[in-house]
Amino acid sequence: MKVCIVSDSHDRGPMLARAIEAGIAEGAEVAIHCGDLIGGNTLRASLKLGIPIHAVHGNNLGDPVAISRIAHQSDGLLTYYGQDASITLGGRRIFVTHYPHHAHAMACTGDYDLVCCGHSHETEIRQQPHVQNGSTWLVNPGTVAGLGAPEATWAIGDLDSMAFEIRTTPEESSVVAARM
């Protein structure tokens, strides 16, 4: 199973949708958003793409009530967890948080195969050694909006092979524009 991992969209809905659409083009079946959505409208174009989105809120809360309402009305396409999430996708245990220091701590437990985070707007993919004599993948996709970063980025992950790569957010998308 492939996943599109995004973070820090900061109310840049079209950029978020373009990244998720690019993930779908690479085979992603689900998107993970590591926080700082800001508002519900940020998600509208992405939800039209038709794949499930798992999201946490981050430190820029914006309007969590509106996001929760959209999740409730999304027929299961959006799951909004609040502060953090522990989910299973493709048989892999995944922890999602906004903060890199929380992500590091959770990766060190050995309870997860993958830990995803955001906040820093800096990309990072690494294996973190943990207390159970193994390692956990730690992925920060950077900022899908490109704010305060050299480029707008996201990550594609293959949960079968546990391979992760950073991608640049596409500048244009005819499909998203046609659906908006």
N, C-alpha and C. Protein backbone atom coordinates (compact mmCIF):
# COMPACT_ATOMS: atom_id res chain seq x y z
N MET A 1 0.84 -1.18 0.00
CA MET A 1 0.00 0.00 0.00
C MET A 1 0.89 1.24 0.00
N LYS A 2 0.56 2.18 -0.87
CA LYS A 2 1.29 3.45 -0.92
C LYS A 2 0.48 4.54 -0.23
N VAL A 3 1.22 5.45 0.43
CA VAL A 3 0.60 6.56 1.15
C VAL A 3 1.25 7.87 0.72
N CYS A 4 0.44 8.90 0.70
CA CYS A 4 0.90 10.27 0.45
C CYS A 4 0.97 10.93 1.83
N ILE A 5 2.15 11.41 2.22
CA ILE A 5 2.34 12.03 3.53
C ILE A 5 2.57 13.52 3.33
N VAL A 6 1.71 14.33 3.94
CA VAL A 6 1.79 15.78 3.81
C VAL A 6 1.75 16.43 5.18
N SER A 7 2.16 17.69 5.24
CA SER A 7 2.07 18.44 6.48
C SER A 7 2.10 19.93 6.17
N ASP A 8 1.68 20.71 7.14
CA ASP A 8 1.82 22.16 7.12
C ASP A 8 1.28 22.79 5.83
N SER A 9 0.01 22.50 5.55
CA SER A 9 -0.63 23.10 4.37
C SER A 9 -1.04 24.54 4.64
N HIS A 10 -1.23 24.91 5.91
CA HIS A 10 -1.51 26.29 6.31
C HIS A 10 -2.52 26.99 5.41
N ASP A 11 -3.67 26.38 5.24
CA ASP A 11 -4.77 26.97 4.48
C ASP A 11 -4.49 27.12 2.99
N ARG A 12 -3.52 26.40 2.48
CA ARG A 12 -3.21 26.41 1.04
C ARG A 12 -3.84 25.17 0.41
N GLY A 13 -5.16 25.17 0.32
CA GLY A 13 -5.92 24.03 -0.18
C GLY A 13 -5.52 23.54 -1.56
N PRO A 14 -5.34 24.44 -2.54
CA PRO A 14 -4.95 23.96 -3.86
C PRO A 14 -3.59 23.24 -3.87
N MET A 15 -2.64 23.72 -3.08
CA MET A 15 -1.34 23.06 -3.03
C MET A 15 -1.46 21.68 -2.39
N LEU A 16 -2.25 21.58 -1.34
CA LEU A 16 -2.49 20.30 -0.69
C LEU A 16 -3.12 19.32 -1.68
N ALA A 17 -4.13 19.78 -2.39
CA ALA A 17 -4.81 18.91 -3.37
C ALA A 17 -3.86 18.47 -4.48
N ARG A 18 -2.98 19.37 -4.93
CA ARG A 18 -2.03 19.00 -5.99
C ARG A 18 -1.07 17.92 -5.49
N ALA A 19 -0.62 18.02 -4.26
CA ALA A 19 0.28 17.00 -3.71
C ALA A 19 -0.43 15.66 -3.58
N ILE A 20 -1.65 15.68 -3.07
CA ILE A 20 -2.39 14.42 -2.93
C ILE A 20 -2.70 13.82 -4.30
N GLU A 21 -3.04 14.67 -5.25
CA GLU A 21 -3.29 14.18 -6.61
C GLU A 21 -2.01 13.55 -7.19
N ALA A 22 -0.87 14.17 -6.96
CA ALA A 22 0.40 13.60 -7.43
C ALA A 22 0.67 12.26 -6.73
N GLY A 23 0.33 12.19 -5.44
CA GLY A 23 0.47 10.92 -4.73
C GLY A 23 -0.40 9.84 -5.32
N ILE A 24 -1.63 10.20 -5.66
CA ILE A 24 -2.55 9.24 -6.29
C ILE A 24 -1.96 8.76 -7.61
N ALA A 25 -1.37 9.68 -8.38
CA ALA A 25 -0.75 9.31 -9.66
C ALA A 25 0.39 8.31 -9.47
N GLU A 26 1.00 8.33 -8.27
CA GLU A 26 2.08 7.38 -7.96
C GLU A 26 1.56 6.14 -7.24
N GLY A 27 0.24 6.03 -7.11
CA GLY A 27 -0.35 4.84 -6.52
C GLY A 27 -0.82 4.96 -5.09
N ALA A 28 -0.76 6.16 -4.50
CA ALA A 28 -1.21 6.33 -3.12
C ALA A 28 -2.70 6.02 -3.00
N GLU A 29 -3.03 5.26 -1.96
CA GLU A 29 -4.41 4.91 -1.69
C GLU A 29 -4.98 5.67 -0.50
N VAL A 30 -4.11 6.37 0.21
CA VAL A 30 -4.51 7.10 1.41
C VAL A 30 -3.53 8.26 1.62
N ALA A 31 -4.02 9.32 2.26
CA ALA A 31 -3.14 10.45 2.60
C ALA A 31 -3.10 10.59 4.12
N ILE A 32 -1.92 10.96 4.60
CA ILE A 32 -1.72 11.26 6.02
C ILE A 32 -1.31 12.72 6.09
N HIS A 33 -2.06 13.51 6.88
CA HIS A 33 -1.73 14.93 7.06
C HIS A 33 -1.24 15.13 8.48
N CYS A 34 -0.01 15.61 8.63
CA CYS A 34 0.65 15.73 9.93
C CYS A 34 0.41 17.08 10.60
N GLY A 35 -0.63 17.76 10.25
CA GLY A 35 -1.04 18.94 11.00
C GLY A 35 -0.78 20.28 10.36
N ASP A 36 -1.37 21.29 10.97
CA ASP A 36 -1.43 22.67 10.52
C ASP A 36 -2.23 22.81 9.23
N LEU A 37 -3.48 22.31 9.33
CA LEU A 37 -4.45 22.46 8.25
C LEU A 37 -5.02 23.88 8.22
N ILE A 38 -5.24 24.45 9.37
CA ILE A 38 -5.84 25.74 9.66
C ILE A 38 -7.36 25.71 9.56
N GLY A 39 -7.93 25.57 8.36
CA GLY A 39 -9.38 25.62 8.25
C GLY A 39 -9.94 24.48 7.43
N GLY A 40 -11.25 24.31 7.52
CA GLY A 40 -11.91 23.25 6.80
C GLY A 40 -11.85 23.39 5.29
N ASN A 41 -11.86 24.61 4.80
CA ASN A 41 -11.81 24.81 3.35
C ASN A 41 -10.51 24.29 2.75
N THR A 42 -9.47 24.18 3.55
CA THR A 42 -8.19 23.65 3.08
C THR A 42 -8.37 22.24 2.51
N LEU A 43 -9.32 21.50 3.03
CA LEU A 43 -9.49 20.09 2.68
C LEU A 43 -10.48 19.83 1.54
N ARG A 44 -11.30 20.79 1.20
CA ARG A 44 -12.40 20.53 0.27
C ARG A 44 -11.95 19.95 -1.08
N ALA A 45 -10.98 20.54 -1.73
CA ALA A 45 -10.52 20.03 -3.03
C ALA A 45 -9.86 18.65 -2.88
N SER A 46 -9.15 18.45 -1.78
CA SER A 46 -8.49 17.16 -1.56
C SER A 46 -9.50 16.04 -1.35
N LEU A 47 -10.58 16.32 -0.64
CA LEU A 47 -11.60 15.31 -0.41
C LEU A 47 -12.28 14.90 -1.71
N LYS A 48 -12.36 15.80 -2.67
CA LYS A 48 -12.95 15.48 -3.96
C LYS A 48 -12.12 14.47 -4.74
N LEU A 49 -10.86 14.27 -4.34
CA LEU A 49 -10.00 13.31 -5.02
C LEU A 49 -10.35 11.88 -4.67
N GLY A 50 -11.11 11.69 -3.57
CA GLY A 50 -11.70 10.39 -3.29
C GLY A 50 -10.89 9.38 -2.51
N ILE A 51 -9.73 9.77 -1.95
CA ILE A 51 -9.00 8.82 -1.11
C ILE A 51 -9.10 9.26 0.34
N PRO A 52 -9.05 8.30 1.27
CA PRO A 52 -9.12 8.64 2.69
C PRO A 52 -7.97 9.54 3.12
N ILE A 53 -8.28 10.49 3.99
CA ILE A 53 -7.27 11.38 4.57
C ILE A 53 -7.34 11.23 6.09
N HIS A 54 -6.19 10.93 6.69
CA HIS A 54 -6.06 10.85 8.14
C HIS A 54 -5.28 12.10 8.57
N ALA A 55 -5.86 12.91 9.48
CA ALA A 55 -5.25 14.19 9.82
C ALA A 55 -5.22 14.45 11.32
N VAL A 56 -4.13 15.12 11.75
CA VAL A 56 -4.02 15.66 13.10
C VAL A 56 -3.96 17.18 12.97
N HIS A 57 -4.14 17.92 14.09
CA HIS A 57 -4.28 19.35 13.91
C HIS A 57 -3.03 20.21 14.04
N GLY A 58 -2.04 19.89 14.79
CA GLY A 58 -0.85 20.74 14.89
C GLY A 58 -1.04 21.92 15.81
N ASN A 59 -0.14 22.90 15.73
CA ASN A 59 -0.18 24.04 16.64
C ASN A 59 -0.97 25.23 16.09
N ASN A 60 -1.21 25.28 14.80
CA ASN A 60 -2.05 26.33 14.21
C ASN A 60 -3.44 25.75 14.01
N LEU A 61 -4.25 25.87 15.05
CA LEU A 61 -5.54 25.18 15.07
C LEU A 61 -6.55 25.73 14.09
N GLY A 62 -6.57 27.01 13.88
CA GLY A 62 -7.56 27.58 12.97
C GLY A 62 -8.96 27.27 13.43
N ASP A 63 -9.66 26.38 12.75
CA ASP A 63 -11.05 26.07 13.05
C ASP A 63 -11.26 24.55 13.18
N PRO A 64 -10.84 23.98 14.32
CA PRO A 64 -11.00 22.53 14.48
C PRO A 64 -12.47 22.07 14.48
N VAL A 65 -13.39 22.95 14.87
CA VAL A 65 -14.81 22.58 14.86
C VAL A 65 -15.27 22.37 13.42
N ALA A 66 -14.89 23.26 12.52
CA ALA A 66 -15.27 23.11 11.10
C ALA A 66 -14.63 21.86 10.51
N ILE A 67 -13.37 21.60 10.85
CA ILE A 67 -12.70 20.40 10.33
C ILE A 67 -13.40 19.15 10.85
N SER A 68 -13.76 19.15 12.12
CA SER A 68 -14.48 18.00 12.69
C SER A 68 -15.83 17.81 12.00
N ARG A 69 -16.51 18.90 11.71
CA ARG A 69 -17.80 18.82 11.03
C ARG A 69 -17.62 18.23 9.62
N ILE A 70 -16.61 18.69 8.91
CA ILE A 70 -16.34 18.16 7.57
C ILE A 70 -16.02 16.67 7.65
N ALA A 71 -15.23 16.28 8.65
CA ALA A 71 -14.91 14.86 8.83
C ALA A 71 -16.18 14.06 9.05
N HIS A 72 -17.07 14.56 9.89
CA HIS A 72 -18.32 13.87 10.19
C HIS A 72 -19.19 13.71 8.94
N GLN A 73 -19.13 14.68 8.05
CA GLN A 73 -19.96 14.67 6.84
C GLN A 73 -19.27 14.07 5.63
N SER A 74 -18.05 13.53 5.80
CA SER A 74 -17.24 13.09 4.66
C SER A 74 -17.45 11.64 4.24
N ASP A 75 -18.40 10.95 4.82
CA ASP A 75 -18.62 9.53 4.51
C ASP A 75 -17.35 8.70 4.68
N GLY A 76 -16.57 9.02 5.69
CA GLY A 76 -15.37 8.25 6.00
C GLY A 76 -14.12 8.66 5.26
N LEU A 77 -14.20 9.66 4.39
CA LEU A 77 -13.00 10.08 3.65
C LEU A 77 -12.01 10.84 4.54
N LEU A 78 -12.50 11.58 5.51
CA LEU A 78 -11.62 12.33 6.41
C LEU A 78 -11.79 11.81 7.83
N THR A 79 -10.67 11.42 8.42
CA THR A 79 -10.64 11.08 9.84
C THR A 79 -9.75 12.10 10.50
N TYR A 80 -10.33 12.86 11.41
CA TYR A 80 -9.62 13.96 12.10
C TYR A 80 -9.45 13.56 13.56
N TYR A 81 -8.19 13.34 13.95
CA TYR A 81 -7.89 12.74 15.25
C TYR A 81 -7.69 13.74 16.38
N GLY A 82 -7.37 14.97 16.07
CA GLY A 82 -6.99 15.91 17.11
C GLY A 82 -5.48 15.97 17.23
N GLN A 83 -4.95 15.85 18.43
CA GLN A 83 -3.52 16.05 18.70
C GLN A 83 -2.61 15.05 18.00
N ASP A 84 -2.93 13.76 18.05
CA ASP A 84 -2.11 12.75 17.40
C ASP A 84 -2.96 11.53 17.08
N ALA A 85 -2.38 10.59 16.35
CA ALA A 85 -3.14 9.42 15.92
C ALA A 85 -2.26 8.18 15.93
N SER A 86 -2.87 7.09 16.29
CA SER A 86 -2.25 5.77 16.18
C SER A 86 -3.16 4.96 15.27
N ILE A 87 -2.66 4.65 14.07
CA ILE A 87 -3.48 3.97 13.07
C ILE A 87 -2.73 2.78 12.50
N THR A 88 -3.47 1.92 11.85
CA THR A 88 -2.88 0.79 11.13
C THR A 88 -3.33 0.89 9.68
N LEU A 89 -2.36 0.91 8.78
CA LEU A 89 -2.62 0.94 7.34
C LEU A 89 -1.73 -0.09 6.68
N GLY A 90 -2.26 -0.86 5.77
CA GLY A 90 -1.45 -1.84 5.06
C GLY A 90 -0.70 -2.78 6.00
N GLY A 91 -1.30 -3.05 7.15
CA GLY A 91 -0.65 -3.94 8.11
C GLY A 91 0.47 -3.30 8.90
N ARG A 92 0.68 -2.00 8.74
CA ARG A 92 1.76 -1.29 9.45
C ARG A 92 1.17 -0.41 10.55
N ARG A 93 1.86 -0.40 11.67
CA ARG A 93 1.47 0.45 12.80
C ARG A 93 2.09 1.83 12.57
N ILE A 94 1.25 2.86 12.57
CA ILE A 94 1.69 4.21 12.23
C ILE A 94 1.25 5.18 13.32
N PHE A 95 2.16 6.04 13.73
CA PHE A 95 1.84 7.11 14.67
C PHE A 95 2.00 8.43 13.93
N VAL A 96 1.02 9.32 14.07
CA VAL A 96 1.04 10.62 13.40
C VAL A 96 0.93 11.71 14.46
N THR A 97 1.84 12.65 14.40
CA THR A 97 1.85 13.80 15.30
C THR A 97 2.36 15.00 14.52
N HIS A 98 2.17 16.16 15.05
CA HIS A 98 2.69 17.34 14.37
C HIS A 98 4.14 17.62 14.73
N TYR A 99 4.49 17.33 15.96
CA TYR A 99 5.77 17.78 16.51
C TYR A 99 6.90 16.77 16.35
N PRO A 100 8.05 17.20 15.81
CA PRO A 100 9.19 16.30 15.64
C PRO A 100 9.69 15.68 16.95
N HIS A 101 9.67 16.42 18.06
CA HIS A 101 10.18 15.84 19.30
C HIS A 101 9.23 14.75 19.81
N HIS A 102 7.93 14.89 19.61
CA HIS A 102 6.99 13.82 19.95
C HIS A 102 7.22 12.62 19.03
N ALA A 103 7.44 12.91 17.76
CA ALA A 103 7.67 11.84 16.79
C ALA A 103 8.92 11.04 17.16
N HIS A 104 9.98 11.73 17.50
CA HIS A 104 11.22 11.06 17.90
C HIS A 104 10.97 10.15 19.10
N ALA A 105 10.27 10.68 20.10
CA ALA A 105 9.99 9.89 21.30
C ALA A 105 9.17 8.65 20.97
N MET A 106 8.15 8.80 20.15
CA MET A 106 7.30 7.66 19.81
C MET A 106 8.05 6.64 18.95
N ALA A 107 8.94 7.11 18.08
CA ALA A 107 9.75 6.18 17.29
C ALA A 107 10.68 5.37 18.18
N CYS A 108 11.16 5.98 19.24
CA CYS A 108 12.09 5.29 20.16
C CYS A 108 11.42 4.16 20.94
N THR A 109 10.09 4.15 21.02
CA THR A 109 9.40 3.11 21.78
C THR A 109 9.44 1.75 21.09
N GLY A 110 9.54 1.76 19.77
CA GLY A 110 9.49 0.50 19.03
C GLY A 110 8.09 -0.02 18.83
N ASP A 111 7.09 0.76 19.22
CA ASP A 111 5.70 0.34 19.08
C ASP A 111 5.14 0.56 17.68
N TYR A 112 5.89 1.26 16.84
CA TYR A 112 5.39 1.64 15.52
C TYR A 112 6.39 1.29 14.43
N ASP A 113 5.87 1.02 13.24
CA ASP A 113 6.71 0.78 12.07
C ASP A 113 7.09 2.11 11.42
N LEU A 114 6.19 3.09 11.53
CA LEU A 114 6.37 4.39 10.90
C LEU A 114 5.82 5.46 11.83
N VAL A 115 6.57 6.54 11.97
CA VAL A 115 6.10 7.72 12.70
C VAL A 115 6.22 8.91 11.76
N CYS A 116 5.13 9.66 11.60
CA CYS A 116 5.09 10.82 10.70
C CYS A 116 4.89 12.08 11.52
N CYS A 117 5.55 13.17 11.10
CA CYS A 117 5.41 14.45 11.79
C CYS A 117 5.59 15.59 10.81
N GLY A 118 5.48 16.80 11.31
CA GLY A 118 5.65 18.00 10.50
C GLY A 118 6.28 19.10 11.34
N HIS A 119 5.68 20.27 11.34
CA HIS A 119 5.99 21.44 12.17
C HIS A 119 7.25 22.20 11.76
N SER A 120 8.35 21.53 11.52
CA SER A 120 9.63 22.21 11.27
C SER A 120 9.73 22.78 9.85
N HIS A 121 8.87 22.33 8.95
CA HIS A 121 8.92 22.70 7.52
C HIS A 121 10.23 22.22 6.88
N GLU A 122 10.87 21.24 7.50
CA GLU A 122 12.11 20.66 6.98
C GLU A 122 11.89 19.17 6.74
N THR A 123 12.28 18.71 5.56
CA THR A 123 12.10 17.30 5.24
C THR A 123 13.12 16.44 5.99
N GLU A 124 12.67 15.24 6.33
CA GLU A 124 13.56 14.27 6.97
C GLU A 124 12.97 12.89 6.80
N ILE A 125 13.81 11.97 6.38
CA ILE A 125 13.45 10.55 6.32
C ILE A 125 14.64 9.80 6.92
N ARG A 126 14.37 9.06 7.99
CA ARG A 126 15.46 8.30 8.61
C ARG A 126 14.89 7.14 9.42
N GLN A 127 15.76 6.20 9.71
CA GLN A 127 15.41 5.13 10.61
C GLN A 127 15.92 5.49 11.99
N GLN A 128 15.02 5.44 12.97
CA GLN A 128 15.34 5.77 14.34
C GLN A 128 15.50 4.48 15.14
N PRO A 129 16.70 4.21 15.69
CA PRO A 129 16.83 3.04 16.56
C PRO A 129 15.88 3.14 17.75
N HIS A 130 15.32 2.00 18.16
CA HIS A 130 14.39 2.03 19.29
C HIS A 130 14.79 1.03 20.37
N VAL A 131 14.08 1.07 21.48
CA VAL A 131 14.45 0.29 22.67
C VAL A 131 14.20 -1.21 22.51
N GLN A 132 13.56 -1.63 21.44
CA GLN A 132 13.30 -3.05 21.22
C GLN A 132 14.32 -3.66 20.25
N ASN A 133 15.48 -3.03 20.16
CA ASN A 133 16.60 -3.51 19.33
C ASN A 133 16.28 -3.57 17.84
N GLY A 134 15.57 -2.60 17.38
CA GLY A 134 15.25 -2.47 15.96
C GLY A 134 15.26 -1.00 15.60
N SER A 135 14.49 -0.66 14.57
CA SER A 135 14.39 0.75 14.20
C SER A 135 12.99 1.02 13.63
N THR A 136 12.61 2.26 13.71
CA THR A 136 11.33 2.75 13.22
C THR A 136 11.60 3.84 12.19
N TRP A 137 10.86 3.82 11.09
CA TRP A 137 10.98 4.89 10.11
C TRP A 137 10.35 6.16 10.67
N LEU A 138 11.06 7.27 10.52
CA LEU A 138 10.60 8.58 10.94
C LEU A 138 10.57 9.46 9.69
N VAL A 139 9.38 9.99 9.36
CA VAL A 139 9.23 10.77 8.13
C VAL A 139 8.60 12.12 8.45
N ASN A 140 9.30 13.18 8.04
CA ASN A 140 8.75 14.54 8.06
C ASN A 140 8.74 15.01 6.61
N PRO A 141 7.56 15.20 6.01
CA PRO A 141 7.50 15.57 4.60
C PRO A 141 7.80 17.04 4.31
N GLY A 142 8.10 17.83 5.34
CA GLY A 142 8.30 19.27 5.13
C GLY A 142 6.97 19.98 5.09
N THR A 143 6.88 21.02 4.27
CA THR A 143 5.64 21.78 4.15
C THR A 143 5.10 21.70 2.74
N VAL A 144 3.90 21.18 2.59
CA VAL A 144 3.27 21.06 1.29
C VAL A 144 2.99 22.44 0.69
N ALA A 145 2.94 23.47 1.54
CA ALA A 145 2.70 24.84 1.08
C ALA A 145 3.98 25.60 0.75
N GLY A 146 5.12 25.07 1.16
CA GLY A 146 6.39 25.72 0.87
C GLY A 146 6.71 26.92 1.73
N LEU A 147 5.98 27.12 2.81
CA LEU A 147 6.17 28.30 3.66
C LEU A 147 7.47 28.21 4.46
N GLY A 148 8.33 29.21 4.30
CA GLY A 148 9.59 29.25 5.04
C GLY A 148 10.54 28.14 4.68
N ALA A 149 10.37 27.53 3.55
CA ALA A 149 11.21 26.42 3.11
C ALA A 149 11.67 26.69 1.68
N PRO A 150 12.77 26.07 1.28
CA PRO A 150 13.25 26.27 -0.10
C PRO A 150 12.24 25.84 -1.17
N GLU A 151 11.44 24.79 -0.86
CA GLU A 151 10.42 24.35 -1.81
C GLU A 151 9.25 23.71 -1.07
N ALA A 152 8.15 23.62 -1.75
CA ALA A 152 6.96 22.95 -1.22
C ALA A 152 7.14 21.45 -1.42
N THR A 153 7.00 20.67 -0.34
CA THR A 153 7.31 19.24 -0.41
C THR A 153 6.25 18.37 0.25
N TRP A 154 6.29 17.10 -0.08
CA TRP A 154 5.46 16.05 0.50
C TRP A 154 6.25 14.76 0.34
N ALA A 155 5.73 13.66 0.86
CA ALA A 155 6.44 12.39 0.75
C ALA A 155 5.51 11.30 0.22
N ILE A 156 6.09 10.39 -0.53
CA ILE A 156 5.39 9.18 -0.95
C ILE A 156 6.01 8.02 -0.19
N GLY A 157 5.18 7.15 0.31
CA GLY A 157 5.68 6.00 1.06
C GLY A 157 5.05 4.72 0.57
N ASP A 158 5.85 3.67 0.51
CA ASP A 158 5.37 2.34 0.16
C ASP A 158 5.42 1.50 1.43
N LEU A 159 4.28 1.17 1.99
CA LEU A 159 4.23 0.45 3.26
C LEU A 159 4.61 -1.02 3.11
N ASP A 160 4.56 -1.55 1.90
CA ASP A 160 4.99 -2.93 1.69
C ASP A 160 6.51 -3.05 1.78
N SER A 161 7.21 -2.15 1.10
CA SER A 161 8.68 -2.19 1.10
C SER A 161 9.30 -1.26 2.13
N MET A 162 8.47 -0.44 2.79
CA MET A 162 8.93 0.57 3.75
C MET A 162 9.99 1.47 3.11
N ALA A 163 9.65 2.00 1.94
CA ALA A 163 10.50 2.93 1.21
C ALA A 163 9.78 4.27 1.15
N PHE A 164 10.51 5.35 1.41
CA PHE A 164 9.92 6.69 1.46
C PHE A 164 10.79 7.66 0.68
N GLU A 165 10.13 8.57 -0.04
CA GLU A 165 10.86 9.56 -0.83
C GLU A 165 10.14 10.90 -0.75
N ILE A 166 10.94 11.96 -0.75
CA ILE A 166 10.40 13.32 -0.76
C ILE A 166 10.10 13.73 -2.20
N ARG A 167 8.99 14.41 -2.37
CA ARG A 167 8.59 14.94 -3.67
C ARG A 167 8.34 16.44 -3.54
N THR A 168 8.41 17.15 -4.65
CA THR A 168 8.09 18.57 -4.69
C THR A 168 6.62 18.72 -5.10
N THR A 169 5.92 19.61 -4.42
CA THR A 169 4.51 19.85 -4.72
C THR A 169 4.40 20.39 -6.14
N PRO A 170 3.58 19.76 -6.97
CA PRO A 170 3.40 20.25 -8.35
C PRO A 170 2.84 21.68 -8.36
N GLU A 171 3.24 22.45 -9.35
CA GLU A 171 2.76 23.83 -9.44
C GLU A 171 1.39 23.93 -10.06
N GLU A 172 1.03 22.98 -10.92
CA GLU A 172 -0.27 23.05 -11.58
C GLU A 172 -0.89 21.68 -11.67
N SER A 173 -2.20 21.66 -11.81
CA SER A 173 -2.92 20.41 -11.96
C SER A 173 -4.22 20.66 -12.69
N SER A 174 -4.39 20.07 -13.85
CA SER A 174 -5.62 20.27 -14.60
C SER A 174 -6.78 19.54 -13.94
N VAL A 175 -6.51 18.41 -13.32
CA VAL A 175 -7.59 17.64 -12.70
C VAL A 175 -8.16 18.39 -11.50
N VAL A 176 -7.30 18.89 -10.61
CA VAL A 176 -7.78 19.62 -9.45
C VAL A 176 -8.53 20.88 -9.88
N ALA A 177 -7.99 21.60 -10.86
CA ALA A 177 -8.64 22.81 -11.33
C ALA A 177 -10.03 22.50 -11.89
N ALA A 178 -10.16 21.39 -12.58
CA ALA A 178 -11.44 21.01 -13.17
C ALA A 178 -12.45 20.61 -12.09
N ARG A 179 -11.99 20.12 -10.97
CA ARG A 179 -12.89 19.64 -9.90
C ARG A 179 -13.26 20.73 -8.92
N MET A 180 -12.56 21.84 -8.91
CA MET A 180 -12.80 22.88 -7.90
C MET A 180 -13.99 23.75 -8.23
